[in-house]
Amino acid sequence: LLRLKDHHLELLGVEAVEQQQEILQDLLL
């Protein structure tokens, strides 16, 4: 989980850029 990047999220089915950014911010925390 700590290693996920935006392209991984897209492959996991998170296609909306806004949702990817939200998840990436939470992952950064």
PDB file of all heavy atoms in Angstrom:
ATOM      1  N   LEU A   1       0.833  -1.208   0.000  1.00  0.00           N
ATOM      2  CA  LEU A   1       0.000   0.000   0.000  1.00  0.00           C
ATOM      3  C   LEU A   1       0.866   1.255   0.000  1.00  0.00           C
ATOM      4  O   LEU A   1       0.598   2.210  -0.726  1.00  0.00           O
ATOM      5  CB  LEU A   1      -0.921  -0.015   1.218  1.00  0.00           C
ATOM      6  CG  LEU A   1      -1.905   1.135   1.361  1.00  0.00           C
ATOM      7  CD1 LEU A   1      -2.990   1.055   0.290  1.00  0.00           C
ATOM      8  CD2 LEU A   1      -2.533   1.119   2.750  1.00  0.00           C
ATOM      9  N   LEU A   2       1.919   1.242   0.801  1.00  0.00           N
ATOM     10  CA  LEU A   2       2.804   2.406   0.902  1.00  0.00           C
ATOM     11  C   LEU A   2       3.560   2.685  -0.394  1.00  0.00           C
ATOM     12  O   LEU A   2       4.059   3.788  -0.594  1.00  0.00           O
ATOM     13  CB  LEU A   2       3.808   2.212   2.042  1.00  0.00           C
ATOM     14  CG  LEU A   2       3.217   2.218   3.442  1.00  0.00           C
ATOM     15  CD1 LEU A   2       4.272   1.816   4.461  1.00  0.00           C
ATOM     16  CD2 LEU A   2       2.625   3.575   3.779  1.00  0.00           C
ATOM     17  N   ARG A   3       3.620   1.716  -1.278  1.00  0.00           N
ATOM     18  CA  ARG A   3       4.365   1.869  -2.537  1.00  0.00           C
ATOM     19  C   ARG A   3       3.487   2.219  -3.737  1.00  0.00           C
ATOM     20  O   ARG A   3       4.006   2.419  -4.842  1.00  0.00           O
ATOM     21  CB  ARG A   3       5.127   0.585  -2.828  1.00  0.00           C
ATOM     22  CG  ARG A   3       6.204   0.319  -1.819  1.00  0.00           C
ATOM     23  CD  ARG A   3       6.990  -0.908  -2.175  1.00  0.00           C
ATOM     24  NE  ARG A   3       8.095  -1.058  -1.250  1.00  0.00           N
ATOM     25  CZ  ARG A   3       8.573  -2.217  -0.856  1.00  0.00           C
ATOM     26  NH1 ARG A   3       8.049  -3.333  -1.307  1.00  0.00           N
ATOM     27  NH2 ARG A   3       9.579  -2.279  -0.015  1.00  0.00           N
ATOM     28  N   LEU A   4       2.174   2.283  -3.531  1.00  0.00           N
ATOM     29  CA  LEU A   4       1.276   2.553  -4.651  1.00  0.00           C
ATOM     30  C   LEU A   4       1.492   3.946  -5.229  1.00  0.00           C
ATOM     31  O   LEU A   4       1.686   4.917  -4.500  1.00  0.00           O
ATOM     32  CB  LEU A   4      -0.183   2.406  -4.227  1.00  0.00           C
ATOM     33  CG  LEU A   4      -0.667   1.000  -3.895  1.00  0.00           C
ATOM     34  CD1 LEU A   4      -2.126   1.032  -3.476  1.00  0.00           C
ATOM     35  CD2 LEU A   4      -0.469   0.051  -5.065  1.00  0.00           C
ATOM     36  N   LYS A   5       1.439   4.020  -6.547  1.00  0.00           N
ATOM     37  CA  LYS A   5       1.532   5.281  -7.288  1.00  0.00           C
ATOM     38  C   LYS A   5       0.246   5.449  -8.092  1.00  0.00           C
ATOM     39  O   LYS A   5      -0.587   4.554  -8.147  1.00  0.00           O
ATOM     40  CB  LYS A   5       2.731   5.254  -8.245  1.00  0.00           C
ATOM     41  CG  LYS A   5       4.044   4.910  -7.597  1.00  0.00           C
ATOM     42  CD  LYS A   5       4.614   6.085  -6.877  1.00  0.00           C
ATOM     43  CE  LYS A   5       6.010   5.774  -6.384  1.00  0.00           C
ATOM     44  NZ  LYS A   5       6.235   6.016  -5.017  1.00  0.00           N
ATOM     45  N   ASP A   6       0.100   6.603  -8.745  1.00  0.00           N
ATOM     46  CA  ASP A   6      -1.140   6.876  -9.476  1.00  0.00           C
ATOM     47  C   ASP A   6      -1.438   5.834 -10.550  1.00  0.00           C
ATOM     48  O   ASP A   6      -2.578   5.422 -10.714  1.00  0.00           O
ATOM     49  CB  ASP A   6      -1.149   8.292 -10.053  1.00  0.00           C
ATOM     50  CG  ASP A   6       0.046   8.602 -10.937  1.00  0.00           C
ATOM     51  OD1 ASP A   6       1.017   7.818 -10.969  1.00  0.00           O
ATOM     52  OD2 ASP A   6       0.005   9.647 -11.602  1.00  0.00           O
ATOM     53  N   HIS A   7      -0.418   5.377 -11.278  1.00  0.00           N
ATOM     54  CA  HIS A   7      -0.675   4.389 -12.326  1.00  0.00           C
ATOM     55  C   HIS A   7      -1.125   3.050 -11.740  1.00  0.00           C
ATOM     56  O   HIS A   7      -1.901   2.330 -12.365  1.00  0.00           O
ATOM     57  CB  HIS A   7       0.532   4.225 -13.259  1.00  0.00           C
ATOM     58  CG  HIS A   7       1.768   3.710 -12.595  1.00  0.00           C
ATOM     59  ND1 HIS A   7       2.612   4.521 -11.856  1.00  0.00           N
ATOM     60  CD2 HIS A   7       2.296   2.467 -12.545  1.00  0.00           C
ATOM     61  CE1 HIS A   7       3.607   3.797 -11.395  1.00  0.00           C
ATOM     62  NE2 HIS A   7       3.443   2.547 -11.788  1.00  0.00           N
ATOM     63  N   HIS A   8      -0.680   2.739 -10.525  1.00  0.00           N
ATOM     64  CA  HIS A   8      -1.163   1.524  -9.864  1.00  0.00           C
ATOM     65  C   HIS A   8      -2.647   1.657  -9.527  1.00  0.00           C
ATOM     66  O   HIS A   8      -3.413   0.701  -9.691  1.00  0.00           O
ATOM     67  CB  HIS A   8      -0.389   1.259  -8.567  1.00  0.00           C
ATOM     68  CG  HIS A   8       1.065   0.996  -8.756  1.00  0.00           C
ATOM     69  ND1 HIS A   8       2.030   1.729  -8.118  1.00  0.00           N
ATOM     70  CD2 HIS A   8       1.718   0.086  -9.523  1.00  0.00           C
ATOM     71  CE1 HIS A   8       3.217   1.278  -8.466  1.00  0.00           C
ATOM     72  NE2 HIS A   8       3.057   0.290  -9.323  1.00  0.00           N
ATOM     73  N   LEU A   9      -3.016   2.836  -9.039  1.00  0.00           N
ATOM     74  CA  LEU A   9      -4.429   3.051  -8.680  1.00  0.00           C
ATOM     75  C   LEU A   9      -5.325   2.889  -9.902  1.00  0.00           C
ATOM     76  O   LEU A   9      -6.407   2.310  -9.806  1.00  0.00           O
ATOM     77  CB  LEU A   9      -4.608   4.437  -8.060  1.00  0.00           C
ATOM     78  CG  LEU A   9      -3.923   4.642  -6.706  1.00  0.00           C
ATOM     79  CD1 LEU A   9      -4.077   6.089  -6.267  1.00  0.00           C
ATOM     80  CD2 LEU A   9      -4.489   3.701  -5.662  1.00  0.00           C
ATOM     81  N   GLU A  10      -4.871   3.382 -11.035  1.00  0.00           N
ATOM     82  CA  GLU A  10      -5.655   3.240 -12.260  1.00  0.00           C
ATOM     83  C   GLU A  10      -5.812   1.758 -12.622  1.00  0.00           C
ATOM     84  O   GLU A  10      -6.904   1.309 -12.970  1.00  0.00           O
ATOM     85  CB  GLU A  10      -4.987   4.000 -13.405  1.00  0.00           C
ATOM     86  CG  GLU A  10      -5.859   4.122 -14.623  1.00  0.00           C
ATOM     87  CD  GLU A  10      -5.288   5.063 -15.653  1.00  0.00           C
ATOM     88  OE1 GLU A  10      -4.377   5.852 -15.340  1.00  0.00           O
ATOM     89  OE2 GLU A  10      -5.775   5.010 -16.799  1.00  0.00           O
ATOM     90  N   LEU A  11      -4.730   1.005 -12.492  1.00  0.00           N
ATOM     91  CA  LEU A  11      -4.795  -0.429 -12.770  1.00  0.00           C
ATOM     92  C   LEU A  11      -5.703  -1.166 -11.788  1.00  0.00           C
ATOM     93  O   LEU A  11      -6.289  -2.195 -12.129  1.00  0.00           O
ATOM     94  CB  LEU A  11      -3.392  -1.042 -12.723  1.00  0.00           C
ATOM     95  CG  LEU A  11      -2.438  -0.624 -13.836  1.00  0.00           C
ATOM     96  CD1 LEU A  11      -1.033  -1.126 -13.554  1.00  0.00           C
ATOM     97  CD2 LEU A  11      -2.935  -1.118 -15.186  1.00  0.00           C
ATOM     98  N   LEU A  12      -5.832  -0.609 -10.575  1.00  0.00           N
ATOM     99  CA  LEU A  12      -6.691  -1.213  -9.559  1.00  0.00           C
ATOM    100  C   LEU A  12      -8.155  -0.815  -9.717  1.00  0.00           C
ATOM    101  O   LEU A  12      -9.003  -1.241  -8.944  1.00  0.00           O
ATOM    102  CB  LEU A  12      -6.206  -0.837  -8.160  1.00  0.00           C
ATOM    103  CG  LEU A  12      -4.840  -1.399  -7.765  1.00  0.00           C
ATOM    104  CD1 LEU A  12      -4.407  -0.845  -6.424  1.00  0.00           C
ATOM    105  CD2 LEU A  12      -4.849  -2.915  -7.749  1.00  0.00           C
ATOM    106  N   GLY A  13      -8.451   0.031 -10.714  1.00  0.00           N
ATOM    107  CA  GLY A  13      -9.827   0.403 -10.989  1.00  0.00           C
ATOM    108  C   GLY A  13     -10.228   1.789 -10.536  1.00  0.00           C
ATOM    109  O   GLY A  13     -11.386   2.175 -10.679  1.00  0.00           O
ATOM    110  N   VAL A  14      -9.294   2.557  -9.991  1.00  0.00           N
ATOM    111  CA  VAL A  14      -9.585   3.938  -9.589  1.00  0.00           C
ATOM    112  C   VAL A  14      -9.237   4.818 -10.779  1.00  0.00           C
ATOM    113  O   VAL A  14      -8.083   5.193 -10.974  1.00  0.00           O
ATOM    114  CB  VAL A  14      -8.771   4.356  -8.337  1.00  0.00           C
ATOM    115  CG1 VAL A  14      -9.116   5.779  -7.929  1.00  0.00           C
ATOM    116  CG2 VAL A  14      -9.000   3.391  -7.201  1.00  0.00           C
ATOM    117  N   GLU A  15     -10.232   5.140 -11.585  1.00  0.00           N
ATOM    118  CA  GLU A  15      -9.986   5.844 -12.839  1.00  0.00           C
ATOM    119  C   GLU A  15     -10.086   7.358 -12.715  1.00  0.00           C
ATOM    120  O   GLU A  15      -9.404   8.081 -13.427  1.00  0.00           O
ATOM    121  CB  GLU A  15     -10.940   5.324 -13.917  1.00  0.00           C
ATOM    122  CG  GLU A  15     -10.697   3.845 -14.215  1.00  0.00           C
ATOM    123  CD  GLU A  15     -11.703   3.269 -15.186  1.00  0.00           C
ATOM    124  OE1 GLU A  15     -12.619   3.988 -15.617  1.00  0.00           O
ATOM    125  OE2 GLU A  15     -11.570   2.081 -15.506  1.00  0.00           O
ATOM    126  N   ALA A  16     -10.918   7.853 -11.803  1.00  0.00           N
ATOM    127  CA  ALA A  16     -11.097   9.292 -11.660  1.00  0.00           C
ATOM    128  C   ALA A  16      -9.833   9.916 -11.062  1.00  0.00           C
ATOM    129  O   ALA A  16      -9.361   9.494 -10.000  1.00  0.00           O
ATOM    130  CB  ALA A  16     -12.305   9.603 -10.781  1.00  0.00           C
ATOM    131  N   VAL A  17      -9.308  10.912 -11.739  1.00  0.00           N
ATOM    132  CA  VAL A  17      -8.080  11.575 -11.297  1.00  0.00           C
ATOM    133  C   VAL A  17      -8.257  12.180  -9.911  1.00  0.00           C
ATOM    134  O   VAL A  17      -7.353  12.106  -9.071  1.00  0.00           O
ATOM    135  CB  VAL A  17      -7.638  12.643 -12.325  1.00  0.00           C
ATOM    136  CG1 VAL A  17      -6.445  13.433 -11.817  1.00  0.00           C
ATOM    137  CG2 VAL A  17      -7.323  11.991 -13.660  1.00  0.00           C
ATOM    138  N   GLU A  18      -9.433  12.757  -9.649  1.00  0.00           N
ATOM    139  CA  GLU A  18      -9.684  13.364  -8.342  1.00  0.00           C
ATOM    140  C   GLU A  18      -9.607  12.314  -7.233  1.00  0.00           C
ATOM    141  O   GLU A  18      -9.049  12.563  -6.163  1.00  0.00           O
ATOM    142  CB  GLU A  18     -11.058  14.053  -8.299  1.00  0.00           C
ATOM    143  CG  GLU A  18     -11.263  15.135  -9.334  1.00  0.00           C
ATOM    144  CD  GLU A  18     -11.656  14.589 -10.710  1.00  0.00           C
ATOM    145  OE1 GLU A  18     -12.180  13.450 -10.799  1.00  0.00           O
ATOM    146  OE2 GLU A  18     -11.415  15.292 -11.699  1.00  0.00           O
ATOM    147  N   GLN A  19     -10.171  11.144  -7.489  1.00  0.00           N
ATOM    148  CA  GLN A  19     -10.145  10.063  -6.501  1.00  0.00           C
ATOM    149  C   GLN A  19      -8.711   9.566  -6.310  1.00  0.00           C
ATOM    150  O   GLN A  19      -8.293   9.289  -5.185  1.00  0.00           O
ATOM    151  CB  GLN A  19     -11.056   8.912  -6.935  1.00  0.00           C
ATOM    152  CG  GLN A  19     -11.143   7.795  -5.923  1.00  0.00           C
ATOM    153  CD  GLN A  19     -11.800   8.220  -4.622  1.00  0.00           C
ATOM    154  OE1 GLN A  19     -12.663   9.066  -4.605  1.00  0.00           O
ATOM    155  NE2 GLN A  19     -11.371   7.624  -3.526  1.00  0.00           N
ATOM    156  N   GLN A  20      -7.970   9.448  -7.412  1.00  0.00           N
ATOM    157  CA  GLN A  20      -6.566   9.045  -7.308  1.00  0.00           C
ATOM    158  C   GLN A  20      -5.795  10.020  -6.438  1.00  0.00           C
ATOM    159  O   GLN A  20      -5.006   9.607  -5.576  1.00  0.00           O
ATOM    160  CB  GLN A  20      -5.918   8.981  -8.686  1.00  0.00           C
ATOM    161  CG  GLN A  20      -6.389   7.847  -9.552  1.00  0.00           C
ATOM    162  CD  GLN A  20      -5.749   7.867 -10.930  1.00  0.00           C
ATOM    163  OE1 GLN A  20      -4.793   8.592 -11.172  1.00  0.00           O
ATOM    164  NE2 GLN A  20      -6.293   7.074 -11.837  1.00  0.00           N
ATOM    165  N   GLN A  21      -6.017  11.319  -6.655  1.00  0.00           N
ATOM    166  CA  GLN A  21      -5.308  12.338  -5.882  1.00  0.00           C
ATOM    167  C   GLN A  21      -5.666  12.262  -4.395  1.00  0.00           C
ATOM    168  O   GLN A  21      -4.803  12.403  -3.531  1.00  0.00           O
ATOM    169  CB  GLN A  21      -5.600  13.739  -6.435  1.00  0.00           C
ATOM    170  CG  GLN A  21      -4.998  13.990  -7.803  1.00  0.00           C
ATOM    171  CD  GLN A  21      -3.494  13.765  -7.827  1.00  0.00           C
ATOM    172  OE1 GLN A  21      -2.782  14.229  -6.955  1.00  0.00           O
ATOM    173  NE2 GLN A  21      -3.021  13.050  -8.829  1.00  0.00           N
ATOM    174  N   GLU A  22      -6.939  12.030  -4.110  1.00  0.00           N
ATOM    175  CA  GLU A  22      -7.379  11.906  -2.720  1.00  0.00           C
ATOM    176  C   GLU A  22      -6.686  10.722  -2.048  1.00  0.00           C
ATOM    177  O   GLU A  22      -6.171  10.830  -0.921  1.00  0.00           O
ATOM    178  CB  GLU A  22      -8.897  11.741  -2.658  1.00  0.00           C
ATOM    179  CG  GLU A  22      -9.437  11.623  -1.261  1.00  0.00           C
ATOM    180  CD  GLU A  22     -10.943  11.398  -1.221  1.00  0.00           C
ATOM    181  OE1 GLU A  22     -11.613  11.481  -2.274  1.00  0.00           O
ATOM    182  OE2 GLU A  22     -11.448  11.128  -0.126  1.00  0.00           O
ATOM    183  N   ILE A  23      -6.657   9.593  -2.745  1.00  0.00           N
ATOM    184  CA  ILE A  23      -6.011   8.403  -2.194  1.00  0.00           C
ATOM    185  C   ILE A  23      -4.517   8.634  -2.028  1.00  0.00           C
ATOM    186  O   ILE A  23      -3.935   8.280  -0.999  1.00  0.00           O
ATOM    187  CB  ILE A  23      -6.298   7.169  -3.078  1.00  0.00           C
ATOM    188  CG1 ILE A  23      -7.791   6.815  -3.011  1.00  0.00           C
ATOM    189  CG2 ILE A  23      -5.437   5.981  -2.652  1.00  0.00           C
ATOM    190  CD1 ILE A  23      -8.228   5.750  -3.988  1.00  0.00           C
ATOM    191  N   LEU A  24      -3.887   9.255  -3.021  1.00  0.00           N
ATOM    192  CA  LEU A  24      -2.447   9.517  -2.938  1.00  0.00           C
ATOM    193  C   LEU A  24      -2.113  10.444  -1.771  1.00  0.00           C
ATOM    194  O   LEU A  24      -1.085  10.265  -1.104  1.00  0.00           O
ATOM    195  CB  LEU A  24      -1.928  10.086  -4.257  1.00  0.00           C
ATOM    196  CG  LEU A  24      -1.897   9.093  -5.424  1.00  0.00           C
ATOM    197  CD1 LEU A  24      -1.581   9.818  -6.726  1.00  0.00           C
ATOM    198  CD2 LEU A  24      -0.905   7.971  -5.165  1.00  0.00           C
ATOM    199  N   GLN A  25      -2.974  11.421  -1.505  1.00  0.00           N
ATOM    200  CA  GLN A  25      -2.753  12.301  -0.354  1.00  0.00           C
ATOM    201  C   GLN A  25      -2.853  11.512   0.956  1.00  0.00           C
ATOM    202  O   GLN A  25      -2.032  11.695   1.862  1.00  0.00           O
ATOM    203  CB  GLN A  25      -3.766  13.443  -0.350  1.00  0.00           C
ATOM    204  CG  GLN A  25      -3.464  14.500  -1.388  1.00  0.00           C
ATOM    205  CD  GLN A  25      -4.512  15.597  -1.427  1.00  0.00           C
ATOM    206  OE1 GLN A  25      -5.572  15.493  -0.811  1.00  0.00           O
ATOM    207  NE2 GLN A  25      -4.223  16.662  -2.153  1.00  0.00           N
ATOM    208  N   ASP A  26      -3.843  10.634   1.034  1.00  0.00           N
ATOM    209  CA  ASP A  26      -3.980   9.810   2.236  1.00  0.00           C
ATOM    210  C   ASP A  26      -2.799   8.850   2.386  1.00  0.00           C
ATOM    211  O   ASP A  26      -2.322   8.600   3.497  1.00  0.00           O
ATOM    212  CB  ASP A  26      -5.296   9.039   2.216  1.00  0.00           C
ATOM    213  CG  ASP A  26      -6.494   9.946   2.412  1.00  0.00           C
ATOM    214  OD1 ASP A  26      -6.336  11.047   2.979  1.00  0.00           O
ATOM    215  OD2 ASP A  26      -7.598   9.556   2.004  1.00  0.00           O
ATOM    216  N   LEU A  27      -2.316   8.323   1.261  1.00  0.00           N
ATOM    217  CA  LEU A  27      -1.149   7.444   1.304  1.00  0.00           C
ATOM    218  C   LEU A  27       0.091   8.211   1.746  1.00  0.00           C
ATOM    219  O   LEU A  27       0.934   7.673   2.479  1.00  0.00           O
ATOM    220  CB  LEU A  27      -0.907   6.790  -0.051  1.00  0.00           C
ATOM    221  CG  LEU A  27      -1.924   5.731  -0.474  1.00  0.00           C
ATOM    222  CD1 LEU A  27      -1.618   5.225  -1.873  1.00  0.00           C
ATOM    223  CD2 LEU A  27      -1.977   4.589   0.519  1.00  0.00           C
ATOM    224  N   LEU A  28       0.199   9.468   1.329  1.00  0.00           N
ATOM    225  CA  LEU A  28       1.326  10.292   1.767  1.00  0.00           C
ATOM    226  C   LEU A  28       1.309  10.471   3.282  1.00  0.00           C
ATOM    227  O   LEU A  28       2.350  10.372   3.948  1.00  0.00           O
ATOM    228  CB  LEU A  28       1.305  11.645   1.059  1.00  0.00           C
ATOM    229  CG  LEU A  28       2.453  12.590   1.396  1.00  0.00           C
ATOM    230  CD1 LEU A  28       3.804  11.967   1.079  1.00  0.00           C
ATOM    231  CD2 LEU A  28       2.279  13.899   0.640  1.00  0.00           C
ATOM    232  N   LEU A  29       0.123  10.681   3.840  1.00  0.00           N
ATOM    233  CA  LEU A  29       0.009  10.786   5.303  1.00  0.00           C
ATOM    234  C   LEU A  29       0.427   9.483   5.983  1.00  0.00           C
ATOM    235  O   LEU A  29       1.105   9.507   7.016  1.00  0.00           O
ATOM    236  CB  LEU A  29      -1.417  11.153   5.697  1.00  0.00           C
ATOM    237  CG  LEU A  29      -1.886  12.554   5.313  1.00  0.00           C
ATOM    238  CD1 LEU A  29      -3.366  12.722   5.637  1.00  0.00           C
ATOM    239  CD2 LEU A  29      -1.057  13.610   6.007  1.00  0.00           C
TER     240      LEU A  29
END
